[in-house]
Each structure stands twice: as structure tokens, then as C-alpha cells.
Amino acid sequence: MNIEVIRKEEVASALWTGGQTQEYSIYPKGAVYADRDFLFRISSATIESIPSEFTRFDGYRRYLVMLEGDLNLVINDKKEYYANNALFAFSSSDKITSYSKGKDFNLMLHHSIIDETVMVSDASFSIKHRVLCIFAIERSQITLNQEVYSLERYDCLLVDNKELEIMEIQLSQEAIIAYW
């Protein structure tokens, strides 16, 4: 089991048309976001322009959580609203225009990945999946199989569980959890 703590201050920023983005992880390693040749991507972005258009990608599902601010948008010509820390799931081929400013968490999964779970929760859980991502909304402690990891706000714990071992997880604070 490979366990990596990705600190927010170690993640490089890049510009996108509506603000800045920070790529926490892309898989496989060495994949390039613009080439659309990845299986998953974990990132966080600021939304600084109103309106701003979400980048469209065929073949991907996306999960977004506003970390700062709420989300007012038009998705395929329909108005929708998501409060701070609410999960917004959508197809990356949807036409989306945002009318909000703020900061988000973003998970992109290739359509070949199945059986994923994405949620905002502080509940303890046990899983036996290949990949686990825990993104800290606030400073918190994550206990994974009795090992404690301290995360600052917007740090990410990423586990590659090649052996498919059972993982027992306890959270001290609400966090964004994804596994597949």
C-alpha cells in the first residue's frame, strides 16, 4: 500500500481561463491534463471570473465541491445552485457556465473507472478499494489502519492500494472522500 500526503503548499499553480488551478495528482504519473490521457485527476481551482466556462472533456465524470463560496451555475441551459461543501456531480461533456467566485475541489474520473464513491463526510468507514483520496476541508487527523496522519486545510491523503487490503478509516473532521 502506497500512502502519500500531498501538502497544499507543495502543489504548483497554473492558469485556466477562469482563475488558477492546482493539480494534486494525475494518474498515471506523467500523464498530461491537456492530452486527456489520464485515468483520474485531483485538483483544486479558484474561480475568479464571472461568468466562467467549465472546460469540457468527453469521456470523464467530474465531482466538484466548493471549498470557499457557493456555486451558481447554468448546466445545459438549466440553473442550479450548490452550497459551500455540497457535492456536485456531472459529466465533463456538459455545458456549464459558473456565475460564482470561490475555490473548489475537483475530481475527474475516466469513464472506464466504475464503482466509485464520492462524498463529504466525517463518518468512520472500512473499504477494500484500489484508490482512496481524502481531501481535508479543515485541519484534521486521519487514522488509516491505526496510523495517524495530520492534514492541514486543503492537504490531500492519497492511497494506492494495489494489494486491495482492507482500509479502516477514522476522521476527526468532515472531509471530501473518494474511492474506487
N, C-alpha and C. Protein backbone atom coordinates (compact mmCIF):
# COMPACT_ATOMS: atom_id res chain seq x y z
N MET A 1 0.86 -1.18 0.00
CA MET A 1 0.00 0.00 0.00
C MET A 1 0.91 1.24 0.00
N ASN A 2 0.71 2.11 -0.97
CA ASN A 2 1.48 3.34 -1.06
C ASN A 2 0.61 4.50 -0.54
N ILE A 3 1.06 5.18 0.52
CA ILE A 3 0.31 6.27 1.13
C ILE A 3 1.12 7.55 0.95
N GLU A 4 0.46 8.56 0.38
CA GLU A 4 1.12 9.83 0.10
C GLU A 4 0.30 10.97 0.69
N VAL A 5 0.97 11.86 1.43
CA VAL A 5 0.32 13.08 1.90
C VAL A 5 0.80 14.20 0.99
N ILE A 6 -0.15 14.83 0.30
CA ILE A 6 0.18 15.92 -0.62
C ILE A 6 -0.19 17.23 0.06
N ARG A 7 0.82 18.02 0.38
CA ARG A 7 0.62 19.29 1.07
C ARG A 7 0.26 20.38 0.08
N LYS A 8 -0.73 21.21 0.43
CA LYS A 8 -1.21 22.25 -0.49
C LYS A 8 -0.10 23.20 -0.93
N GLU A 9 0.83 23.49 -0.02
CA GLU A 9 1.90 24.43 -0.38
C GLU A 9 2.92 23.81 -1.33
N GLU A 10 2.89 22.49 -1.53
CA GLU A 10 3.82 21.82 -2.44
C GLU A 10 3.25 21.68 -3.85
N VAL A 11 2.00 22.06 -4.04
CA VAL A 11 1.31 21.86 -5.32
C VAL A 11 1.47 23.12 -6.17
N ALA A 12 1.97 22.95 -7.38
CA ALA A 12 2.19 24.08 -8.28
C ALA A 12 0.86 24.59 -8.84
N SER A 13 0.79 25.90 -9.09
CA SER A 13 -0.40 26.52 -9.67
C SER A 13 -0.19 26.77 -11.16
N ALA A 14 -1.30 26.71 -11.90
CA ALA A 14 -1.30 27.05 -13.33
C ALA A 14 -2.56 27.84 -13.61
N LEU A 15 -2.53 28.63 -14.66
CA LEU A 15 -3.69 29.43 -15.04
C LEU A 15 -4.68 28.60 -15.86
N TRP A 16 -5.96 28.84 -15.65
CA TRP A 16 -7.01 28.38 -16.55
C TRP A 16 -7.83 29.61 -16.88
N THR A 17 -8.76 29.53 -17.81
CA THR A 17 -9.44 30.73 -18.29
C THR A 17 -10.21 31.47 -17.20
N GLY A 18 -10.61 30.79 -16.12
CA GLY A 18 -11.40 31.44 -15.08
C GLY A 18 -10.67 31.71 -13.79
N GLY A 19 -9.37 31.37 -13.71
CA GLY A 19 -8.64 31.57 -12.47
C GLY A 19 -7.34 30.78 -12.45
N GLN A 20 -7.05 30.13 -11.30
CA GLN A 20 -5.85 29.31 -11.14
C GLN A 20 -6.24 27.91 -10.71
N THR A 21 -5.45 26.93 -11.12
CA THR A 21 -5.70 25.54 -10.73
C THR A 21 -4.43 24.95 -10.13
N GLN A 22 -4.63 24.03 -9.19
CA GLN A 22 -3.52 23.30 -8.57
C GLN A 22 -3.79 21.82 -8.76
N GLU A 23 -2.90 21.13 -9.43
CA GLU A 23 -3.05 19.70 -9.69
C GLU A 23 -2.36 18.92 -8.58
N TYR A 24 -3.16 18.24 -7.74
CA TYR A 24 -2.62 17.44 -6.65
C TYR A 24 -2.09 16.11 -7.15
N SER A 25 -2.82 15.51 -8.08
CA SER A 25 -2.39 14.22 -8.60
C SER A 25 -3.04 13.97 -9.95
N ILE A 26 -2.29 13.30 -10.82
CA ILE A 26 -2.83 12.83 -12.09
C ILE A 26 -2.29 11.41 -12.27
N TYR A 27 -3.14 10.53 -12.78
CA TYR A 27 -2.74 9.13 -12.94
C TYR A 27 -3.12 8.65 -14.32
N PRO A 28 -2.21 7.97 -14.99
CA PRO A 28 -0.91 7.54 -14.49
C PRO A 28 0.07 8.70 -14.38
N LYS A 29 1.08 8.51 -13.52
CA LYS A 29 2.11 9.53 -13.35
C LYS A 29 2.68 9.87 -14.72
N GLY A 30 2.88 11.14 -14.96
CA GLY A 30 3.41 11.58 -16.24
C GLY A 30 2.35 11.88 -17.28
N ALA A 31 1.09 11.54 -16.99
CA ALA A 31 0.01 11.89 -17.91
C ALA A 31 -0.11 13.40 -17.97
N VAL A 32 -0.64 13.91 -19.06
CA VAL A 32 -0.77 15.34 -19.26
C VAL A 32 -2.26 15.69 -19.38
N TYR A 33 -2.69 16.60 -18.51
CA TYR A 33 -4.09 17.03 -18.48
C TYR A 33 -4.59 17.43 -19.87
N ALA A 34 -3.84 18.27 -20.57
CA ALA A 34 -4.27 18.78 -21.87
C ALA A 34 -4.37 17.68 -22.92
N ASP A 35 -3.61 16.59 -22.75
CA ASP A 35 -3.67 15.48 -23.70
C ASP A 35 -4.86 14.57 -23.47
N ARG A 36 -5.55 14.74 -22.34
CA ARG A 36 -6.73 13.93 -22.00
C ARG A 36 -6.42 12.43 -22.04
N ASP A 37 -5.26 12.08 -21.48
CA ASP A 37 -4.81 10.69 -21.49
C ASP A 37 -4.67 10.13 -20.08
N PHE A 38 -5.44 10.65 -19.13
CA PHE A 38 -5.31 10.24 -17.75
C PHE A 38 -6.54 9.44 -17.31
N LEU A 39 -6.37 8.65 -16.24
CA LEU A 39 -7.50 7.91 -15.67
C LEU A 39 -8.20 8.71 -14.58
N PHE A 40 -7.40 9.43 -13.78
CA PHE A 40 -8.03 10.34 -12.81
C PHE A 40 -7.13 11.53 -12.56
N ARG A 41 -7.78 12.61 -12.12
CA ARG A 41 -7.06 13.85 -11.78
C ARG A 41 -7.73 14.46 -10.56
N ILE A 42 -6.92 14.84 -9.57
CA ILE A 42 -7.39 15.51 -8.36
C ILE A 42 -6.81 16.91 -8.38
N SER A 43 -7.68 17.91 -8.27
CA SER A 43 -7.19 19.29 -8.33
C SER A 43 -8.06 20.20 -7.47
N SER A 44 -7.60 21.44 -7.35
CA SER A 44 -8.35 22.50 -6.70
C SER A 44 -8.16 23.73 -7.56
N ALA A 45 -9.19 24.55 -7.67
CA ALA A 45 -9.09 25.73 -8.54
C ALA A 45 -9.81 26.91 -7.92
N THR A 46 -9.33 28.09 -8.27
CA THR A 46 -10.07 29.30 -7.94
C THR A 46 -10.91 29.68 -9.15
N ILE A 47 -12.07 30.22 -8.86
CA ILE A 47 -12.94 30.75 -9.90
C ILE A 47 -12.94 32.26 -9.68
N GLU A 48 -12.26 32.99 -10.57
CA GLU A 48 -12.05 34.42 -10.38
C GLU A 48 -12.79 35.28 -11.39
N SER A 49 -13.33 34.68 -12.43
CA SER A 49 -14.03 35.42 -13.48
C SER A 49 -15.50 35.05 -13.49
N ILE A 50 -16.36 36.05 -13.68
CA ILE A 50 -17.80 35.82 -13.81
C ILE A 50 -18.25 36.45 -15.11
N PRO A 51 -18.87 35.69 -15.99
CA PRO A 51 -19.04 34.24 -15.93
C PRO A 51 -17.76 33.53 -16.34
N SER A 52 -17.68 32.23 -16.01
CA SER A 52 -16.57 31.41 -16.46
C SER A 52 -17.13 30.09 -16.98
N GLU A 53 -16.49 29.59 -18.02
CA GLU A 53 -16.92 28.34 -18.65
C GLU A 53 -16.08 27.19 -18.12
N PHE A 54 -16.75 26.09 -17.71
CA PHE A 54 -16.02 24.90 -17.30
C PHE A 54 -15.44 24.24 -18.55
N THR A 55 -14.21 23.73 -18.43
CA THR A 55 -13.58 23.01 -19.53
C THR A 55 -14.34 21.72 -19.78
N ARG A 56 -14.61 21.45 -21.05
CA ARG A 56 -15.35 20.24 -21.43
C ARG A 56 -14.38 19.13 -21.83
N PHE A 57 -14.66 17.93 -21.33
CA PHE A 57 -13.87 16.74 -21.62
C PHE A 57 -14.84 15.60 -21.90
N ASP A 58 -14.83 15.04 -23.08
CA ASP A 58 -15.63 13.85 -23.33
C ASP A 58 -14.97 12.65 -22.66
N GLY A 59 -15.79 11.76 -22.10
CA GLY A 59 -15.27 10.53 -21.52
C GLY A 59 -14.89 10.60 -20.06
N TYR A 60 -15.26 11.68 -19.36
CA TYR A 60 -14.92 11.82 -17.94
C TYR A 60 -16.16 12.21 -17.13
N ARG A 61 -16.20 11.73 -15.87
CA ARG A 61 -17.17 12.20 -14.87
C ARG A 61 -16.41 13.11 -13.93
N ARG A 62 -17.12 14.14 -13.45
CA ARG A 62 -16.47 15.08 -12.54
C ARG A 62 -17.27 15.21 -11.25
N TYR A 63 -16.54 15.45 -10.19
CA TYR A 63 -17.11 15.71 -8.87
C TYR A 63 -16.47 16.99 -8.37
N LEU A 64 -17.30 17.93 -7.97
CA LEU A 64 -16.82 19.24 -7.54
C LEU A 64 -17.44 19.60 -6.20
N VAL A 65 -16.65 20.18 -5.32
CA VAL A 65 -17.11 20.68 -4.03
C VAL A 65 -16.55 22.08 -3.87
N MET A 66 -17.42 23.06 -3.63
CA MET A 66 -16.95 24.42 -3.37
C MET A 66 -16.38 24.48 -1.95
N LEU A 67 -15.11 24.83 -1.85
CA LEU A 67 -14.42 24.95 -0.57
C LEU A 67 -14.61 26.34 0.03
N GLU A 68 -14.69 27.33 -0.84
CA GLU A 68 -14.89 28.72 -0.44
C GLU A 68 -15.94 29.30 -1.38
N GLY A 69 -17.05 29.74 -0.82
CA GLY A 69 -18.14 30.26 -1.63
C GLY A 69 -19.13 29.18 -2.01
N ASP A 70 -20.18 29.60 -2.68
CA ASP A 70 -21.16 28.64 -3.17
C ASP A 70 -21.11 28.66 -4.69
N LEU A 71 -21.96 27.87 -5.33
CA LEU A 71 -21.87 27.69 -6.77
C LEU A 71 -23.23 27.96 -7.41
N ASN A 72 -23.29 29.03 -8.19
CA ASN A 72 -24.45 29.33 -9.03
C ASN A 72 -24.03 29.08 -10.46
N LEU A 73 -24.73 28.21 -11.13
CA LEU A 73 -24.32 27.88 -12.48
C LEU A 73 -25.50 27.56 -13.38
N VAL A 74 -25.21 27.51 -14.66
CA VAL A 74 -26.16 27.04 -15.66
C VAL A 74 -25.53 25.81 -16.28
N ILE A 75 -26.22 24.67 -16.17
CA ILE A 75 -25.74 23.42 -16.72
C ILE A 75 -26.71 22.95 -17.79
N ASN A 76 -26.24 22.89 -19.01
CA ASN A 76 -27.07 22.50 -20.14
C ASN A 76 -28.38 23.31 -20.16
N ASP A 77 -28.25 24.64 -20.00
CA ASP A 77 -29.35 25.61 -20.05
C ASP A 77 -30.30 25.56 -18.86
N LYS A 78 -29.92 24.89 -17.77
CA LYS A 78 -30.74 24.81 -16.56
C LYS A 78 -29.97 25.41 -15.39
N LYS A 79 -30.60 26.33 -14.64
CA LYS A 79 -29.95 26.95 -13.48
C LYS A 79 -29.91 25.96 -12.31
N GLU A 80 -28.75 25.92 -11.63
CA GLU A 80 -28.59 25.08 -10.44
C GLU A 80 -27.77 25.83 -9.40
N TYR A 81 -27.93 25.43 -8.14
CA TYR A 81 -27.24 26.06 -7.03
C TYR A 81 -26.70 24.97 -6.10
N TYR A 82 -25.45 25.15 -5.65
CA TYR A 82 -24.83 24.23 -4.70
C TYR A 82 -24.18 25.06 -3.60
N ALA A 83 -24.54 24.76 -2.36
CA ALA A 83 -23.98 25.47 -1.21
C ALA A 83 -22.53 25.05 -0.98
N ASN A 84 -21.82 25.82 -0.19
CA ASN A 84 -20.47 25.51 0.23
C ASN A 84 -20.43 24.09 0.80
N ASN A 85 -19.44 23.30 0.39
CA ASN A 85 -19.21 21.92 0.83
C ASN A 85 -20.25 20.92 0.33
N ALA A 86 -21.13 21.32 -0.59
CA ALA A 86 -22.08 20.37 -1.20
C ALA A 86 -21.44 19.73 -2.42
N LEU A 87 -21.70 18.46 -2.64
CA LEU A 87 -21.13 17.72 -3.76
C LEU A 87 -21.96 17.94 -5.02
N PHE A 88 -21.26 18.28 -6.11
CA PHE A 88 -21.87 18.49 -7.42
C PHE A 88 -21.22 17.48 -8.37
N ALA A 89 -22.00 16.52 -8.88
CA ALA A 89 -21.51 15.50 -9.81
C ALA A 89 -22.07 15.78 -11.19
N PHE A 90 -21.23 15.64 -12.22
CA PHE A 90 -21.68 15.93 -13.58
C PHE A 90 -20.78 15.26 -14.60
N SER A 91 -21.27 15.20 -15.83
CA SER A 91 -20.49 14.70 -16.94
C SER A 91 -19.59 15.82 -17.43
N SER A 92 -18.36 15.49 -17.74
CA SER A 92 -17.42 16.51 -18.18
C SER A 92 -17.74 17.03 -19.58
N SER A 93 -18.68 16.40 -20.26
CA SER A 93 -19.10 16.90 -21.57
C SER A 93 -20.27 17.88 -21.46
N ASP A 94 -20.81 18.07 -20.25
CA ASP A 94 -21.90 19.04 -20.05
C ASP A 94 -21.41 20.45 -20.32
N LYS A 95 -22.31 21.29 -20.79
CA LYS A 95 -22.02 22.71 -21.00
C LYS A 95 -22.35 23.44 -19.69
N ILE A 96 -21.32 23.99 -19.04
CA ILE A 96 -21.51 24.60 -17.72
C ILE A 96 -20.89 25.99 -17.70
N THR A 97 -21.70 26.95 -17.24
CA THR A 97 -21.23 28.32 -17.03
C THR A 97 -21.44 28.65 -15.56
N SER A 98 -20.38 29.09 -14.90
CA SER A 98 -20.44 29.45 -13.49
C SER A 98 -20.62 30.96 -13.34
N TYR A 99 -21.45 31.34 -12.36
CA TYR A 99 -21.68 32.75 -12.03
C TYR A 99 -21.27 33.00 -10.58
N SER A 100 -20.26 32.27 -10.12
CA SER A 100 -19.78 32.40 -8.74
C SER A 100 -18.27 32.59 -8.74
N LYS A 101 -17.79 33.20 -7.67
CA LYS A 101 -16.36 33.25 -7.41
C LYS A 101 -16.10 32.37 -6.20
N GLY A 102 -14.90 31.82 -6.10
CA GLY A 102 -14.57 30.99 -4.95
C GLY A 102 -13.43 30.05 -5.25
N LYS A 103 -13.37 28.97 -4.47
CA LYS A 103 -12.33 27.95 -4.61
C LYS A 103 -13.02 26.60 -4.53
N ASP A 104 -12.58 25.66 -5.40
CA ASP A 104 -13.23 24.35 -5.42
C ASP A 104 -12.23 23.21 -5.33
N PHE A 105 -12.76 22.02 -5.02
CA PHE A 105 -12.08 20.74 -5.14
C PHE A 105 -12.68 20.08 -6.36
N ASN A 106 -11.85 19.42 -7.17
CA ASN A 106 -12.33 18.83 -8.41
C ASN A 106 -11.69 17.45 -8.60
N LEU A 107 -12.53 16.45 -8.83
CA LEU A 107 -12.07 15.10 -9.14
C LEU A 107 -12.61 14.72 -10.51
N MET A 108 -11.72 14.31 -11.40
CA MET A 108 -12.11 13.85 -12.73
C MET A 108 -11.77 12.37 -12.84
N LEU A 109 -12.76 11.56 -13.26
CA LEU A 109 -12.56 10.12 -13.42
C LEU A 109 -12.90 9.72 -14.84
N HIS A 110 -12.01 8.97 -15.46
CA HIS A 110 -12.26 8.44 -16.80
C HIS A 110 -13.46 7.49 -16.73
N HIS A 111 -14.25 7.44 -17.80
CA HIS A 111 -15.46 6.61 -17.79
C HIS A 111 -15.18 5.12 -17.60
N SER A 112 -13.93 4.68 -17.79
CA SER A 112 -13.58 3.27 -17.57
C SER A 112 -13.51 2.92 -16.08
N ILE A 113 -13.41 3.92 -15.22
CA ILE A 113 -13.42 3.69 -13.76
C ILE A 113 -14.87 3.53 -13.34
N ILE A 114 -15.15 2.44 -12.67
CA ILE A 114 -16.52 2.17 -12.22
C ILE A 114 -16.52 1.92 -10.72
N ASP A 115 -17.72 1.97 -10.16
CA ASP A 115 -17.91 1.65 -8.75
C ASP A 115 -17.22 2.65 -7.81
N GLU A 116 -17.23 3.94 -8.21
CA GLU A 116 -16.63 4.95 -7.34
C GLU A 116 -17.65 5.45 -6.32
N THR A 117 -17.13 5.93 -5.20
CA THR A 117 -17.92 6.61 -4.19
C THR A 117 -17.24 7.93 -3.91
N VAL A 118 -18.03 9.02 -3.91
CA VAL A 118 -17.51 10.34 -3.60
C VAL A 118 -18.51 10.99 -2.64
N MET A 119 -18.00 11.56 -1.52
CA MET A 119 -18.90 12.14 -0.52
C MET A 119 -18.15 13.15 0.33
N VAL A 120 -18.92 13.95 1.04
CA VAL A 120 -18.40 14.84 2.07
C VAL A 120 -18.93 14.28 3.38
N SER A 121 -18.01 13.86 4.28
CA SER A 121 -18.45 13.17 5.49
C SER A 121 -17.36 13.22 6.56
N ASP A 122 -17.77 12.94 7.80
CA ASP A 122 -16.81 12.74 8.88
C ASP A 122 -16.99 11.37 9.52
N ALA A 123 -17.76 10.49 8.87
CA ALA A 123 -18.04 9.16 9.40
C ALA A 123 -16.86 8.22 9.22
N SER A 124 -16.68 7.30 10.16
CA SER A 124 -15.68 6.25 10.03
C SER A 124 -16.17 5.24 9.00
N PHE A 125 -15.23 4.60 8.30
CA PHE A 125 -15.63 3.61 7.30
C PHE A 125 -14.51 2.62 7.06
N SER A 126 -14.87 1.52 6.43
CA SER A 126 -13.94 0.46 6.09
C SER A 126 -14.16 0.13 4.61
N ILE A 127 -13.07 0.07 3.84
CA ILE A 127 -13.20 -0.22 2.41
C ILE A 127 -12.08 -1.15 1.96
N LYS A 128 -12.28 -1.72 0.79
CA LYS A 128 -11.28 -2.57 0.14
C LYS A 128 -11.28 -2.18 -1.34
N HIS A 129 -10.69 -1.00 -1.63
CA HIS A 129 -10.64 -0.46 -2.99
C HIS A 129 -9.20 -0.15 -3.37
N ARG A 130 -8.95 0.07 -4.65
CA ARG A 130 -7.60 0.32 -5.16
C ARG A 130 -7.12 1.72 -4.79
N VAL A 131 -8.00 2.75 -4.94
CA VAL A 131 -7.58 4.13 -4.70
C VAL A 131 -8.47 4.78 -3.64
N LEU A 132 -7.84 5.50 -2.73
CA LEU A 132 -8.54 6.29 -1.71
C LEU A 132 -7.97 7.69 -1.72
N CYS A 133 -8.85 8.69 -1.76
CA CYS A 133 -8.46 10.09 -1.67
C CYS A 133 -9.25 10.72 -0.53
N ILE A 134 -8.55 11.38 0.38
CA ILE A 134 -9.19 12.16 1.44
C ILE A 134 -8.63 13.57 1.35
N PHE A 135 -9.50 14.53 1.09
CA PHE A 135 -9.11 15.94 0.94
C PHE A 135 -9.63 16.70 2.15
N ALA A 136 -8.72 17.31 2.90
CA ALA A 136 -9.08 17.98 4.16
C ALA A 136 -9.73 19.34 3.88
N ILE A 137 -10.95 19.50 4.37
CA ILE A 137 -11.64 20.78 4.27
C ILE A 137 -11.12 21.73 5.36
N GLU A 138 -10.81 21.17 6.51
CA GLU A 138 -10.21 21.89 7.63
C GLU A 138 -9.06 21.05 8.18
N ARG A 139 -8.25 21.64 9.06
CA ARG A 139 -7.19 20.88 9.72
C ARG A 139 -7.82 19.65 10.38
N SER A 140 -7.21 18.50 10.16
CA SER A 140 -7.80 17.27 10.70
C SER A 140 -6.77 16.17 10.85
N GLN A 141 -7.20 15.13 11.56
CA GLN A 141 -6.39 13.93 11.68
C GLN A 141 -7.15 12.78 11.04
N ILE A 142 -6.41 12.03 10.23
CA ILE A 142 -6.97 10.86 9.56
C ILE A 142 -6.27 9.66 10.15
N THR A 143 -7.04 8.70 10.61
CA THR A 143 -6.46 7.46 11.09
C THR A 143 -6.75 6.39 10.04
N LEU A 144 -5.67 5.83 9.49
CA LEU A 144 -5.77 4.80 8.47
C LEU A 144 -5.06 3.56 8.99
N ASN A 145 -5.85 2.53 9.28
CA ASN A 145 -5.30 1.28 9.84
C ASN A 145 -4.39 1.57 11.04
N GLN A 146 -4.88 2.38 11.94
CA GLN A 146 -4.25 2.73 13.21
C GLN A 146 -3.03 3.66 13.08
N GLU A 147 -2.70 4.10 11.87
CA GLU A 147 -1.64 5.08 11.65
C GLU A 147 -2.30 6.45 11.51
N VAL A 148 -1.81 7.47 12.24
CA VAL A 148 -2.42 8.79 12.25
C VAL A 148 -1.66 9.72 11.29
N TYR A 149 -2.43 10.42 10.46
CA TYR A 149 -1.88 11.41 9.52
C TYR A 149 -2.53 12.75 9.83
N SER A 150 -1.71 13.78 10.02
CA SER A 150 -2.21 15.12 10.30
C SER A 150 -2.24 15.90 8.99
N LEU A 151 -3.41 16.42 8.66
CA LEU A 151 -3.58 17.19 7.44
C LEU A 151 -3.99 18.61 7.79
N GLU A 152 -3.36 19.55 7.12
CA GLU A 152 -3.78 20.94 7.22
C GLU A 152 -4.90 21.16 6.21
N ARG A 153 -5.57 22.31 6.32
CA ARG A 153 -6.63 22.67 5.41
C ARG A 153 -6.13 22.58 3.96
N TYR A 154 -6.86 21.84 3.13
CA TYR A 154 -6.61 21.63 1.69
C TYR A 154 -5.42 20.72 1.40
N ASP A 155 -4.94 19.96 2.38
CA ASP A 155 -4.00 18.88 2.11
C ASP A 155 -4.79 17.66 1.64
N CYS A 156 -4.09 16.73 1.00
CA CYS A 156 -4.74 15.55 0.44
C CYS A 156 -3.96 14.30 0.83
N LEU A 157 -4.69 13.28 1.27
CA LEU A 157 -4.12 11.96 1.54
C LEU A 157 -4.53 11.07 0.38
N LEU A 158 -3.57 10.47 -0.30
CA LEU A 158 -3.85 9.63 -1.46
C LEU A 158 -3.23 8.26 -1.24
N VAL A 159 -4.04 7.22 -1.39
CA VAL A 159 -3.59 5.84 -1.15
C VAL A 159 -3.75 5.03 -2.43
N ASP A 160 -2.67 4.37 -2.84
CA ASP A 160 -2.71 3.40 -3.94
C ASP A 160 -2.61 2.02 -3.29
N ASN A 161 -3.72 1.35 -3.23
CA ASN A 161 -3.86 0.09 -2.50
C ASN A 161 -3.83 -1.08 -3.50
N LYS A 162 -2.68 -1.29 -4.12
CA LYS A 162 -2.54 -2.32 -5.16
C LYS A 162 -2.90 -3.71 -4.65
N GLU A 163 -2.61 -3.96 -3.39
CA GLU A 163 -2.86 -5.29 -2.80
C GLU A 163 -4.32 -5.48 -2.41
N LEU A 164 -5.13 -4.43 -2.51
CA LEU A 164 -6.54 -4.44 -2.11
C LEU A 164 -6.72 -4.90 -0.67
N GLU A 165 -5.88 -4.34 0.20
CA GLU A 165 -6.02 -4.60 1.63
C GLU A 165 -7.24 -3.87 2.17
N ILE A 166 -7.78 -4.34 3.26
CA ILE A 166 -8.88 -3.63 3.92
C ILE A 166 -8.30 -2.39 4.58
N MET A 167 -8.97 -1.25 4.37
CA MET A 167 -8.55 0.01 4.98
C MET A 167 -9.63 0.46 5.96
N GLU A 168 -9.22 0.68 7.21
CA GLU A 168 -10.10 1.19 8.27
C GLU A 168 -9.77 2.66 8.46
N ILE A 169 -10.77 3.54 8.29
CA ILE A 169 -10.52 4.97 8.31
C ILE A 169 -11.40 5.66 9.35
N GLN A 170 -10.77 6.54 10.16
CA GLN A 170 -11.50 7.41 11.08
C GLN A 170 -11.05 8.85 10.78
N LEU A 171 -12.03 9.77 10.83
CA LEU A 171 -11.78 11.18 10.53
C LEU A 171 -12.11 12.03 11.74
N SER A 172 -11.29 13.04 12.01
CA SER A 172 -11.58 13.95 13.12
C SER A 172 -12.48 15.10 12.68
N GLN A 173 -12.54 15.37 11.39
CA GLN A 173 -13.33 16.47 10.83
C GLN A 173 -13.97 16.01 9.52
N GLU A 174 -14.97 16.73 9.08
CA GLU A 174 -15.57 16.47 7.79
C GLU A 174 -14.52 16.68 6.70
N ALA A 175 -14.51 15.78 5.70
CA ALA A 175 -13.54 15.83 4.61
C ALA A 175 -14.23 15.35 3.33
N ILE A 176 -13.57 15.58 2.21
CA ILE A 176 -14.04 15.04 0.93
C ILE A 176 -13.37 13.68 0.77
N ILE A 177 -14.18 12.67 0.57
CA ILE A 177 -13.70 11.28 0.49
C ILE A 177 -14.09 10.73 -0.86
N ALA A 178 -13.13 10.09 -1.52
CA ALA A 178 -13.41 9.43 -2.80
C ALA A 178 -12.63 8.12 -2.83
N TYR A 179 -13.29 7.08 -3.32
CA TYR A 179 -12.58 5.80 -3.52
C TYR A 179 -13.20 5.04 -4.66
N TRP A 180 -12.35 4.26 -5.33
CA TRP A 180 -12.78 3.43 -6.45
C TRP A 180 -11.81 2.27 -6.62
